[in-house]
Protein backbone atom coordinates (compact mmCIF):
# COMPACT_ATOMS: atom_id res chain seq x y z
CA MET A 1 -5.28 27.54 -19.35
CA LYS A 2 -3.39 30.91 -18.37
CA LYS A 3 0.34 31.20 -18.73
CA THR A 4 1.32 31.65 -15.57
CA ILE A 5 -0.19 29.09 -12.83
CA ASN A 6 -0.23 29.68 -9.02
CA ILE A 7 0.52 26.95 -7.18
CA ALA A 8 -0.45 26.22 -3.24
CA VAL A 9 1.86 23.68 -1.30
CA VAL A 10 0.56 22.28 2.10
CA GLY A 11 2.44 19.91 4.13
CA LEU A 12 6.01 20.81 4.30
CA GLY A 13 7.26 17.42 5.67
CA GLN A 14 9.78 14.90 3.97
CA ILE A 15 7.27 15.35 0.81
CA GLY A 16 6.75 18.93 0.81
CA VAL A 17 9.73 20.36 1.41
CA TYR A 18 11.49 18.22 -1.29
CA LEU A 19 8.70 18.61 -3.80
CA TYR A 20 8.50 22.78 -3.26
CA ASN A 21 12.25 22.62 -3.84
CA GLU A 22 11.72 20.17 -6.92
CA ILE A 23 9.28 22.73 -8.26
CA ASN A 24 11.54 26.06 -7.93
CA ASN A 25 14.89 24.03 -9.72
CA LYS A 26 12.58 22.56 -12.42
CA LYS A 27 10.75 25.68 -13.32
CA LYS A 28 12.34 26.12 -16.74
CA GLU A 29 12.16 22.74 -17.94
CA ILE A 30 8.70 22.58 -17.06
CA GLU A 31 7.82 25.30 -19.13
CA LYS A 32 9.98 23.85 -21.90
CA LYS A 33 7.58 20.65 -21.42
CA THR A 34 4.66 22.49 -21.05
CA GLY A 35 4.53 26.13 -22.54
CA LYS A 36 3.50 27.03 -19.06
CA LYS A 37 5.45 29.56 -16.58
CA ILE A 38 4.95 28.41 -12.76
CA LYS A 39 4.75 30.34 -9.41
CA ILE A 40 4.18 28.77 -6.02
CA VAL A 41 2.75 32.08 -4.15
CA ALA A 42 1.45 30.25 -0.99
CA ILE A 43 3.17 27.41 1.40
CA SER A 44 1.51 25.80 4.54
CA ALA A 45 2.65 23.72 7.68
CA LYS A 46 1.93 23.70 11.08
CA ASN A 47 5.08 25.00 12.24
CA LYS A 48 6.89 28.67 10.11
CA ASP A 49 10.83 28.15 11.84
CA LYS A 50 10.93 24.54 11.85
CA LYS A 51 14.56 23.39 10.33
CA ARG A 52 13.78 21.75 7.33
CA LYS A 53 15.83 20.04 4.59
CA TYR A 54 15.31 23.13 2.07
CA LYS A 55 15.08 26.66 2.82
CA ILE A 56 11.60 27.96 2.62
CA ASP A 57 10.05 31.76 1.48
CA LYS A 58 8.30 32.34 4.74
CA LYS A 59 7.10 35.72 2.86
CA ILE A 60 4.72 33.60 1.32
CA PHE A 61 3.97 31.24 4.25
CA TYR A 62 0.33 30.70 5.69
CA ILE A 63 0.12 28.89 9.37
CA ASN A 64 -3.77 28.00 8.53
CA PRO A 65 -3.68 26.90 4.55
CA LEU A 66 -8.01 27.71 4.69
CA ASN A 67 -6.82 31.47 4.61
CA ILE A 68 -4.57 30.66 1.40
CA PHE A 69 -7.81 31.10 -0.93
CA LYS A 70 -9.13 33.91 0.63
CA GLU A 71 -5.93 35.85 -0.08
CA LYS A 72 -4.53 34.28 -3.26
CA LYS A 73 -5.24 33.33 -6.73
CA VAL A 74 -4.35 29.79 -6.83
CA ASP A 75 -4.47 27.25 -10.09
CA ILE A 76 -2.97 24.23 -8.34
CA LEU A 77 -3.45 22.71 -4.79
CA ILE A 78 -0.53 20.15 -3.45
CA GLU A 79 -1.74 19.02 -0.33
CA ALA A 80 0.93 16.89 1.63
CA ILE A 81 -0.51 17.12 5.12
CA GLY A 82 -1.02 13.02 4.93
CA LEU A 83 -4.21 12.95 6.93
CA SER A 84 -7.25 10.79 6.01
CA ASP A 85 -9.97 13.25 7.69
CA GLY A 86 -9.24 16.38 9.29
CA ILE A 87 -7.64 19.61 7.37
CA SER A 88 -6.09 17.10 4.39
CA LYS A 89 -9.86 16.64 3.65
CA LYS A 90 -11.13 20.04 4.28
CA ILE A 91 -8.47 21.99 2.03
CA ILE A 92 -8.86 19.71 -0.72
CA GLU A 93 -13.21 20.24 -0.74
CA GLN A 94 -12.50 23.99 -0.35
CA ALA A 95 -9.87 23.86 -3.35
CA LEU A 96 -12.10 21.85 -5.63
CA LYS A 97 -15.18 23.89 -4.69
CA ASN A 98 -13.01 27.07 -5.57
CA LYS A 99 -12.33 25.37 -9.20
CA ILE A 100 -8.68 24.92 -8.22
CA HIS A 101 -6.71 21.23 -9.53
CA VAL A 102 -5.71 18.98 -6.47
CA ILE A 103 -2.66 16.95 -6.39
CA THR A 104 -2.32 14.81 -3.35
CA PRO A 105 0.29 11.69 -2.26
CA ASN A 106 -2.56 10.78 0.11
CA LYS A 107 -3.53 7.19 0.31
CA ALA A 108 -5.39 7.19 3.25
CA LEU A 109 -7.54 10.14 1.88
CA ILE A 110 -8.32 8.88 -1.35
CA SER A 111 -8.86 5.36 0.12
CA LYS A 112 -11.49 6.77 2.55
CA HIS A 113 -12.99 9.53 0.71
CA GLY A 114 -12.05 9.37 -2.85
CA ASP A 115 -15.41 8.81 -4.53
CA LYS A 116 -16.71 12.08 -3.15
CA LEU A 117 -13.71 13.77 -3.74
CA GLY A 118 -13.63 12.48 -7.64
CA ARG A 119 -17.53 14.06 -7.56
CA LEU A 120 -16.64 17.31 -6.55
CA ALA A 121 -13.82 17.20 -9.03
CA GLU A 122 -15.72 16.36 -11.90
CA LYS A 123 -18.65 18.98 -10.77
CA ASN A 124 -16.32 21.65 -10.71
CA LYS A 125 -14.35 20.60 -13.97
CA VAL A 126 -11.21 20.46 -12.69
CA ASN A 127 -8.41 17.33 -11.61
CA LEU A 128 -7.97 15.50 -8.89
CA GLU A 129 -4.49 13.64 -9.50
CA PHE A 130 -3.13 11.39 -7.13
CA GLU A 131 -0.45 8.86 -8.39
CA ALA A 132 1.83 9.12 -5.68
CA SER A 133 -1.05 7.73 -3.48
CA VAL A 134 0.25 4.00 -4.51
CA ALA A 135 3.88 2.81 -5.28
CA GLY A 136 5.63 6.04 -4.78
CA GLY A 137 7.66 6.67 -8.16
CA ILE A 138 5.86 3.34 -10.19
CA PRO A 139 3.24 4.98 -12.78
CA ILE A 140 1.02 2.79 -11.86
CA ILE A 141 -2.30 4.55 -11.70
CA ARG A 142 -1.42 6.27 -14.93
CA THR A 143 -0.52 2.76 -16.57
CA ILE A 144 -4.33 1.87 -15.62
CA LYS A 145 -6.39 4.86 -16.50
CA GLU A 146 -4.36 5.11 -19.60
CA GLY A 147 -2.22 3.10 -20.84
CA LEU A 148 -4.22 0.18 -20.29
CA ALA A 149 -7.35 1.20 -20.44
CA THR A 150 -8.71 -0.26 -22.76
CA ASN A 151 -7.73 -3.95 -20.93
CA LYS A 152 -9.68 -5.95 -18.94
CA ILE A 153 -7.78 -6.09 -15.67
CA THR A 154 -9.05 -9.44 -13.91
CA LYS A 155 -6.12 -9.64 -11.38
CA VAL A 156 -3.36 -6.73 -9.62
CA TYR A 157 -1.14 -7.56 -6.91
CA GLY A 158 2.24 -6.81 -5.68
CA ILE A 159 4.49 -5.56 -2.99
CA LEU A 160 3.22 -2.19 -2.42
CA ASN A 161 4.71 -1.11 1.40
CA GLY A 162 8.84 -0.80 0.86
CA THR A 163 9.11 -0.91 5.19
CA CYS A 164 7.85 -4.50 5.32
CA ASN A 165 9.75 -5.52 2.34
CA TYR A 166 12.64 -3.96 3.61
CA ILE A 167 12.34 -5.82 7.07
CA MET A 168 11.51 -9.06 5.58
CA THR A 169 14.75 -8.89 3.28
CA GLU A 170 17.13 -7.86 6.15
CA MET A 171 15.65 -10.31 8.06
CA GLU A 172 16.48 -13.10 5.75
CA LYS A 173 20.12 -11.47 5.07
CA THR A 174 21.19 -10.68 8.51
CA LYS A 175 19.45 -14.02 10.76
CA ASP A 176 18.44 -10.60 13.01
CA THR A 177 15.29 -10.42 15.05
CA PHE A 178 12.37 -8.32 13.60
CA LYS A 179 12.69 -5.89 16.52
CA ASN A 180 16.18 -5.19 15.67
CA VAL A 181 15.54 -4.78 11.64
CA LEU A 182 12.55 -2.52 12.52
CA LYS A 183 14.75 -0.31 14.59
CA LYS A 184 17.58 -0.62 11.34
CA ALA A 185 14.54 0.71 9.08
CA GLN A 186 13.64 3.51 11.72
CA ASN A 187 17.29 5.02 11.70
CA LEU A 188 17.39 4.78 8.05
CA GLY A 189 14.07 6.87 7.75
CA TYR A 190 12.49 3.37 6.00
CA ALA A 191 9.70 3.10 9.02
CA GLU A 192 8.05 5.72 11.25
CA PRO A 193 10.61 6.72 14.48
CA SER A 194 7.56 6.58 16.75
CA ASN A 195 4.83 4.70 15.18
CA PRO A 196 5.15 2.21 12.67
CA LYS A 197 2.26 0.78 13.10
CA LEU A 198 0.24 1.27 10.04
CA ASP A 199 3.35 0.32 8.10
CA LEU A 200 3.46 -2.85 9.72
CA ASN A 201 -0.23 -4.14 9.89
CA GLY A 202 -0.76 -4.03 6.42
CA TYR A 203 -3.16 -0.86 6.86
CA ASP A 204 -1.11 1.14 4.08
CA ALA A 205 -0.83 -1.47 1.56
CA LEU A 206 -4.61 -2.06 1.89
CA SER A 207 -5.18 1.23 1.12
CA LYS A 208 -3.25 1.23 -1.57
CA ILE A 209 -5.10 -2.23 -2.82
CA LYS A 210 -8.64 -0.46 -2.41
CA ILE A 211 -7.30 2.42 -4.79
CA LEU A 212 -6.03 0.10 -7.39
CA SER A 213 -8.46 -1.69 -7.13
CA SER A 214 -11.35 0.96 -7.81
CA LEU A 215 -9.38 1.83 -10.77
CA ALA A 216 -8.57 -1.52 -12.30
CA PHE A 217 -12.03 -2.61 -11.94
CA ASN A 218 -14.33 0.92 -12.65
CA LYS A 219 -16.12 0.28 -9.43
CA LYS A 220 -16.41 2.68 -6.63
CA ILE A 221 -14.31 2.16 -3.75
CA SER A 222 -15.14 -0.99 -1.54
CA GLY A 223 -16.03 -0.23 1.83
CA SER A 224 -15.78 -3.87 2.98
CA LYS A 225 -13.74 -5.20 5.83
CA CYS A 226 -11.29 -6.86 3.98
CA LEU A 227 -8.47 -9.56 4.84
CA MET A 228 -5.91 -7.82 6.47
CA GLU A 229 -2.48 -8.87 8.32
CA GLY A 230 0.53 -7.39 8.67
CA ILE A 231 4.29 -8.90 9.41
CA GLU A 232 4.32 -8.34 13.08
CA ASN A 233 3.81 -11.81 14.08
CA ILE A 234 6.68 -13.37 11.54
CA ASP A 235 9.62 -15.01 13.13
CA TYR A 236 13.59 -14.96 12.24
CA SER A 237 12.10 -19.05 12.23
CA ASP A 238 9.35 -18.66 9.44
CA ILE A 239 12.07 -16.99 7.25
CA LYS A 240 14.25 -20.16 7.73
CA ILE A 241 11.79 -22.87 7.42
CA ALA A 242 10.55 -21.06 4.63
CA ASN A 243 13.87 -20.59 3.01
CA GLN A 244 14.55 -24.45 3.44
CA LEU A 245 11.31 -25.03 1.47
CA ASN A 246 12.51 -22.91 -1.55
CA TYR A 247 10.28 -19.64 -0.48
CA ARG A 248 10.30 -16.22 0.78
CA ILE A 249 7.87 -14.52 2.90
CA LYS A 250 6.53 -11.15 1.49
CA LEU A 251 3.86 -9.05 2.28
CA LEU A 252 1.15 -8.83 -0.58
CA GLY A 253 -1.49 -6.78 -1.64
CA ILE A 254 -3.96 -8.66 -3.48
CA THR A 255 -7.40 -7.46 -5.80
CA GLU A 256 -8.87 -9.58 -8.13
CA ILE A 257 -12.47 -10.75 -9.72
CA ILE A 258 -13.61 -13.93 -8.36
CA ASN A 259 -17.33 -15.15 -9.72
CA ASN A 260 -17.80 -11.31 -10.77
CA LYS A 261 -17.19 -10.24 -7.26
CA ILE A 262 -13.94 -8.44 -6.26
CA PHE A 263 -11.62 -9.98 -3.45
CA GLU A 264 -9.42 -7.47 -1.57
CA ARG A 265 -6.68 -8.50 0.53
CA VAL A 266 -3.14 -7.75 2.10
CA HIS A 267 -1.17 -10.46 4.14
CA PRO A 268 2.03 -12.16 4.61
CA CYS A 269 2.37 -14.81 1.90
CA LEU A 270 4.85 -17.43 1.21
CA VAL A 271 5.88 -17.16 -2.28
CA ARG A 272 8.47 -19.33 -4.59
CA LYS A 273 12.04 -18.37 -4.48
CA ASP A 274 12.41 -18.89 -8.21
CA SER A 275 9.34 -16.34 -9.14
CA TYR A 276 9.43 -12.66 -10.14
CA ILE A 277 7.86 -11.45 -6.65
CA GLY A 278 10.08 -13.76 -4.68
CA ASN A 279 13.04 -11.53 -6.15
CA VAL A 280 11.66 -8.21 -5.59
CA ASN A 281 14.15 -6.96 -2.64
CA GLY A 282 14.65 -3.99 0.36
CA VAL A 283 12.64 -1.17 -0.09
CA MET A 284 11.46 -1.74 -3.82
CA ASN A 285 7.66 -2.08 -4.54
CA ALA A 286 6.30 -4.12 -7.53
CA VAL A 287 2.96 -4.38 -9.10
CA ILE A 288 1.89 -7.21 -11.70
CA LEU A 289 -1.51 -6.66 -13.73
CA ASN A 290 -3.24 -9.55 -15.15
CA GLY A 291 -5.31 -8.59 -17.88
CA PHE A 292 -7.00 -9.25 -21.52
CA PRO A 293 -5.66 -8.97 -24.10
CA ILE A 294 -2.05 -7.43 -22.61
CA GLY A 295 -1.57 -10.58 -20.52
CA GLU A 296 0.95 -9.78 -17.74
CA SER A 297 2.42 -6.35 -17.34
CA VAL A 298 4.65 -5.54 -14.34
CA LEU A 299 5.85 -2.61 -13.11
CA GLN A 300 8.72 -1.82 -10.22
CA GLY A 301 10.64 0.53 -8.36
CA GLU A 302 10.96 2.32 -5.37
CA GLY A 303 7.44 2.68 -3.54
CA ALA A 304 8.71 5.65 -0.85
CA GLY A 305 10.53 8.19 0.06
CA PRO A 306 10.98 11.99 -1.06
CA GLY A 307 12.61 11.07 -4.25
CA PRO A 308 10.19 8.61 -5.92
CA THR A 309 7.01 10.44 -4.43
CA SER A 310 8.16 13.57 -5.66
CA SER A 311 8.41 12.12 -9.23
CA ALA A 312 5.10 11.29 -9.41
CA LEU A 313 3.51 14.25 -8.10
CA MET A 314 5.63 16.34 -10.88
CA SER A 315 4.08 13.91 -13.28
CA ASP A 316 0.40 14.66 -12.27
CA LEU A 317 1.81 18.79 -12.35
CA LEU A 318 2.94 18.31 -15.97
CA SER A 319 -0.54 16.59 -16.68
CA ILE A 320 -2.64 19.34 -15.28
CA LEU A 321 -0.38 22.11 -16.91
CA ARG A 322 -0.82 20.21 -20.36
CA GLY A 323 -4.78 20.89 -20.06
CA ASN A 324 -6.82 18.31 -20.13
CA ILE A 325 -9.48 18.04 -17.80
CA LYS A 326 -9.71 14.23 -17.00
CA TYR A 327 -11.89 11.73 -14.84
CA PRO A 328 -9.96 11.05 -11.07
CA PHE A 329 -10.96 7.01 -11.66
CA GLY A 330 -10.41 7.21 -15.24
CA ILE A 331 -14.07 7.33 -16.01
CA SER A 332 -17.37 9.09 -14.88
CA GLN A 333 -18.07 8.91 -11.32
CA TYR A 334 -21.61 8.05 -12.65
CA LYS A 335 -20.89 5.26 -14.46
CA ARG A 336 -18.64 3.56 -11.61
CA GLY A 337 -20.75 0.80 -10.28
CA LYS A 338 -20.80 -0.42 -6.79
CA PRO A 339 -18.81 -3.00 -6.14
CA LYS A 340 -19.72 -6.47 -4.97
CA ILE A 341 -17.87 -8.37 -2.70
CA PHE A 342 -16.19 -12.32 -2.79
CA ASN A 343 -16.74 -13.11 1.17
CA LYS A 344 -13.48 -14.08 2.17
CA ASN A 345 -14.56 -17.01 4.31
CA LEU A 346 -15.40 -18.88 0.96
CA SER A 347 -11.47 -18.32 -0.20
CA SER A 348 -9.16 -21.03 -0.19
CA ASN A 349 -5.27 -21.47 -0.21
CA SER A 350 -2.62 -23.67 0.88
CA LEU A 351 -1.45 -23.21 4.19
CA TYR A 352 1.64 -23.07 6.59
CA PHE A 353 1.00 -23.88 9.83
CA ARG A 354 4.02 -23.39 12.68
CA LEU A 355 3.47 -24.80 16.19
CA GLU A 356 5.48 -24.57 19.24
CA VAL A 357 4.69 -27.56 21.49
CA LYS A 358 5.79 -29.56 24.34
CA ASP A 359 7.60 -32.34 22.94
CA LYS A 360 5.41 -35.24 24.58
CA PRO A 361 3.82 -38.35 23.53
CA GLY A 362 -0.14 -37.55 21.61
CA VAL A 363 0.37 -33.90 20.99
CA LEU A 364 1.21 -34.32 17.35
CA SER A 365 -1.42 -36.69 17.15
CA SER A 366 -4.34 -33.89 18.74
CA ILE A 367 -3.21 -31.64 16.31
CA THR A 368 -3.39 -33.70 12.86
CA LYS A 369 -6.83 -35.08 14.11
CA LEU A 370 -7.85 -31.44 15.16
CA PHE A 371 -6.93 -30.46 11.39
CA ALA A 372 -8.59 -33.70 10.05
CA ASN A 373 -11.96 -32.44 11.79
CA TYR A 374 -11.53 -29.14 10.02
CA LYS A 375 -11.39 -30.60 6.75
CA ILE A 376 -7.52 -29.68 5.89
CA SER A 377 -5.86 -31.94 4.74
CA ILE A 378 -1.61 -32.02 5.37
CA GLU A 379 0.64 -32.47 2.72
CA ARG A 380 3.71 -32.09 4.36
CA LEU A 381 4.41 -31.74 7.96
CA ILE A 382 8.23 -31.22 10.06
CA GLN A 383 9.18 -31.81 13.35
CA ILE A 384 11.85 -29.74 15.03
CA PRO A 385 12.65 -31.35 18.34
CA ASN A 386 14.94 -28.61 21.02
CA ASP A 387 15.53 -31.68 23.55
CA LYS A 388 17.32 -29.31 25.77
CA LYS A 389 13.72 -27.27 26.48
CA LYS A 390 11.84 -30.34 25.86
CA THR A 391 9.70 -28.87 23.01
CA ALA A 392 9.78 -29.23 19.36
CA SER A 393 8.33 -26.75 16.39
CA ILE A 394 5.99 -28.58 13.86
CA VAL A 395 5.78 -27.01 10.72
CA ILE A 396 2.76 -28.03 8.40
CA ILE A 397 2.24 -27.31 4.86
CA THR A 398 -1.57 -27.86 3.99
CA HIS A 399 -3.20 -28.75 0.42
CA ASN A 400 -5.82 -26.17 -0.36
CA ALA A 401 -8.03 -25.20 2.46
CA ASN A 402 -11.16 -22.58 3.44
CA GLU A 403 -10.38 -19.80 5.15
CA ALA A 404 -13.15 -19.96 7.62
CA ASN A 405 -12.35 -23.58 8.31
CA SER A 406 -8.62 -22.79 8.92
CA LEU A 407 -9.37 -19.75 11.18
CA ASN A 408 -11.33 -21.95 13.00
CA CYS A 409 -8.71 -24.23 13.48
CA LEU A 410 -6.14 -21.63 14.77
CA SER A 411 -8.59 -20.12 17.14
CA ILE A 412 -8.42 -24.16 18.72
CA LEU A 413 -4.92 -24.12 18.53
CA LYS A 414 -4.38 -21.25 20.15
CA LYS A 415 -6.13 -22.59 23.14
CA LYS A 416 -4.33 -25.81 23.23
CA LYS A 417 -2.11 -25.95 26.63
CA ASP A 418 0.39 -28.10 24.91
CA ILE A 419 0.82 -24.97 22.36
CA ILE A 420 3.14 -23.00 24.02
CA LYS A 421 3.23 -19.95 22.00
CA LYS A 422 0.79 -18.05 19.39
CA PRO A 423 0.22 -20.42 16.48
CA VAL A 424 1.46 -19.00 13.06
CA LEU A 425 -0.53 -19.08 9.69
CA ILE A 426 0.82 -17.86 6.57
CA ARG A 427 -0.87 -18.59 3.52
CA LEU A 428 0.70 -19.87 0.06
CA PHE A 429 0.65 -17.28 -2.72
CA ASN A 430 -1.39 -18.98 -5.33
């Protein structure tokens, strides 16, 4: 690799502009560590004159990023637009075809098109690096690809969305409603101000689980429809009851091998208060890997925001500057098998149900009878009456129950006239 490396940064939102500033401020440090001089020769975003946290050089600004390759000699492209398709995909494909190394924090794009982009990178003998796409500043991708390269990993799970973890923690701490805590998260910049849906519904965490799954098990990215639930239906009363039962509620991303098949899912879990994962709070992320011979490995840190994300992007930059061409997913694209997917309906879990009902004779017996019909065994039942409203909260903790039976039972419960609010189902973490 030549002595001076030309870089283009496309996308100057919170992360892109922070990284742009970091690169400019740390040129000497980067040269000391890699022996390479670096120069940002092009930047691009939708709006040249938008007010940004850090000053940009407008002389190297491009409205259309695709023009950069026609006018500048670029060695490394950093894509920070964040779309799963469109210009994000186009600019990365163009760069790889032009034998330009690519760095991106874009989990939506990698989880959707990572296999195709990985093939392009491998064919053109350039790097495609995406450390920042999962868990911000936690070096989980490099840990799996390099640090644990010879381990047989059987399970990866953790808290992969700082927004959801902050909301759950804050609701427990302040006893406030989901709606109010979400507003607070938006004001603090932890949640998207206009549309936080992709964080809250589990989609963001599932994109990350698909990437981790592919890396951990040396398979192509799963295109299957996975079990995905978010935290939008969690009420403070669930947090309060969970607390009384010695649990906390966490949104977990989980991928594991069951009978040589991959089972990927994202959903809220009741986790024990004395467990490690039960004490990861606020905007923190944590990833736990089970493997052989390493046993259990834990990585924890800030999972979002310009600082942690930029730290991971800089790590990718230095890796490229040191000169090694690496397989994007740890092994050659041609050795990554097609994943066999575990049927989620065959899974089983202990479950937490909360039902708000009319407090009248026969209601409880009809519910327990329904559970018996679906072969769901009740371990614990708590009834909390509200005499003023003539209603009651019924909380049921079950023994291990089949997923398909549980969901069928839930759909019947939703139709019952004596159940006055949408029932809540949360799985216990095994």
